[in-house]
Amino acid sequence: MDTNKEFVCEICKEKYNKIIKFDYSRDLDKHEWTYHPCNNTERAWSKHAREGFINWKGSSYYESYGPYY
């Protein structure tokens, strides 16, 4: 489990000189998928995540887990 460990977004740290910390690796993953997508799967998930999954017609598992469910 991720207890007693902080996770930092290395992309924000390098590009924007901004340190963003997360308590759980899953939260860091979702941040990177939403704000730093690197492939078509992540770009599609990012679009829906930024819109609050308003136009998403599939499983809510996709919303809560991420693009690699």
C-alpha atoms as a PDB file:
ATOM      1  CA  MET A   1       0.000   0.000   0.000  1.00  0.00           C
ATOM      2  CA  ASP A   2       1.019   3.656  -0.401  1.00  0.00           C
ATOM      3  CA  THR A   3       1.042   4.579   3.293  1.00  0.00           C
ATOM      4  CA  ASN A   4       3.500   7.157   4.639  1.00  0.00           C
ATOM      5  CA  LYS A   5       4.809   8.052   1.201  1.00  0.00           C
ATOM      6  CA  GLU A   6       4.321  11.150  -0.931  1.00  0.00           C
ATOM      7  CA  PHE A   7       4.194  11.039  -4.711  1.00  0.00           C
ATOM      8  CA  VAL A   8       5.312  14.034  -6.791  1.00  0.00           C
ATOM      9  CA  CYS A   9       4.459  14.826 -10.397  1.00  0.00           C
ATOM     10  CA  GLU A  10       7.867  14.992 -12.050  1.00  0.00           C
ATOM     11  CA  ILE A  11       6.400  16.551 -15.233  1.00  0.00           C
ATOM     12  CA  CYS A  12       4.959  19.567 -13.378  1.00  0.00           C
ATOM     13  CA  LYS A  13       8.139  19.832 -11.332  1.00  0.00           C
ATOM     14  CA  GLU A  14      10.332  20.035 -14.431  1.00  0.00           C
ATOM     15  CA  LYS A  15       8.103  21.943 -16.854  1.00  0.00           C
ATOM     16  CA  TYR A  16       6.283  24.372 -14.582  1.00  0.00           C
ATOM     17  CA  ASN A  17       8.564  24.505 -11.548  1.00  0.00           C
ATOM     18  CA  LYS A  18       5.527  23.518  -9.500  1.00  0.00           C
ATOM     19  CA  ILE A  19       5.652  20.715  -6.946  1.00  0.00           C
ATOM     20  CA  ILE A  20       2.366  18.865  -6.673  1.00  0.00           C
ATOM     21  CA  LYS A  21       2.230  16.113  -4.058  1.00  0.00           C
ATOM     22  CA  PHE A  22      -0.165  13.194  -3.839  1.00  0.00           C
ATOM     23  CA  ASP A  23      -0.812  10.718  -1.030  1.00  0.00           C
ATOM     24  CA  TYR A  24      -1.597   7.792  -3.310  1.00  0.00           C
ATOM     25  CA  SER A  25      -0.006   6.553  -6.515  1.00  0.00           C
ATOM     26  CA  ARG A  26      -3.484   6.208  -8.088  1.00  0.00           C
ATOM     27  CA  ASP A  27      -4.069   9.955  -7.594  1.00  0.00           C
ATOM     28  CA  LEU A  28      -0.730  10.707  -9.252  1.00  0.00           C
ATOM     29  CA  ASP A  29      -1.627   8.386 -12.143  1.00  0.00           C
ATOM     30  CA  LYS A  30      -4.972  10.135 -12.652  1.00  0.00           C
ATOM     31  CA  HIS A  31      -3.266  13.550 -12.531  1.00  0.00           C
ATOM     32  CA  GLU A  32      -0.767  12.481 -15.179  1.00  0.00           C
ATOM     33  CA  TRP A  33      -3.482  10.957 -17.392  1.00  0.00           C
ATOM     34  CA  THR A  34      -5.628  14.096 -17.077  1.00  0.00           C
ATOM     35  CA  TYR A  35      -2.967  16.791 -17.426  1.00  0.00           C
ATOM     36  CA  HIS A  36      -0.108  15.035 -19.215  1.00  0.00           C
ATOM     37  CA  PRO A  37      -1.633  12.406 -21.536  1.00  0.00           C
ATOM     38  CA  CYS A  38       1.004  10.668 -23.620  1.00  0.00           C
ATOM     39  CA  ASN A  39      -1.013   8.405 -25.918  1.00  0.00           C
ATOM     40  CA  ASN A  40      -4.459   8.183 -27.531  1.00  0.00           C
ATOM     41  CA  THR A  41      -5.969   6.163 -24.684  1.00  0.00           C
ATOM     42  CA  GLU A  42      -4.904   8.736 -22.104  1.00  0.00           C
ATOM     43  CA  ARG A  43      -5.965  11.636 -24.363  1.00  0.00           C
ATOM     44  CA  ALA A  44      -9.475  10.175 -24.684  1.00  0.00           C
ATOM     45  CA  TRP A  45      -9.745   9.633 -20.920  1.00  0.00           C
ATOM     46  CA  SER A  46      -8.348  13.125 -20.280  1.00  0.00           C
ATOM     47  CA  LYS A  47     -11.000  14.727 -22.467  1.00  0.00           C
ATOM     48  CA  HIS A  48     -13.794  13.005 -20.547  1.00  0.00           C
ATOM     49  CA  ALA A  49     -12.185  13.654 -17.149  1.00  0.00           C
ATOM     50  CA  ARG A  50     -11.819  17.382 -17.821  1.00  0.00           C
ATOM     51  CA  GLU A  51     -15.490  17.536 -18.886  1.00  0.00           C
ATOM     52  CA  GLY A  52     -16.589  15.654 -15.761  1.00  0.00           C
ATOM     53  CA  PHE A  53     -17.607  12.592 -17.838  1.00  0.00           C
ATOM     54  CA  ILE A  54     -20.720  14.475 -19.027  1.00  0.00           C
ATOM     55  CA  ASN A  55     -20.751  12.827 -22.473  1.00  0.00           C
ATOM     56  CA  TRP A  56     -19.413   9.451 -21.344  1.00  0.00           C
ATOM     57  CA  LYS A  57     -21.843   6.626 -22.116  1.00  0.00           C
ATOM     58  CA  GLY A  58     -19.851   3.644 -20.812  1.00  0.00           C
ATOM     59  CA  SER A  59     -19.106   2.060 -17.467  1.00  0.00           C
ATOM     60  CA  SER A  60     -18.610   4.163 -14.344  1.00  0.00           C
ATOM     61  CA  TYR A  61     -15.639   1.896 -13.645  1.00  0.00           C
ATOM     62  CA  TYR A  62     -13.818   3.722 -16.455  1.00  0.00           C
ATOM     63  CA  GLU A  63     -14.508   7.021 -14.689  1.00  0.00           C
ATOM     64  CA  SER A  64     -13.331   5.951 -11.268  1.00  0.00           C
ATOM     65  CA  TYR A  65     -10.405   3.724 -12.210  1.00  0.00           C
ATOM     66  CA  GLY A  66      -8.906   5.294 -15.315  1.00  0.00           C
ATOM     67  CA  PRO A  67      -8.141   4.581 -18.962  1.00  0.00           C
ATOM     68  CA  TYR A  68      -6.501   1.219 -18.253  1.00  0.00           C
ATOM     69  CA  TYR A  69      -9.389  -0.595 -16.575  1.00  0.00           C
END
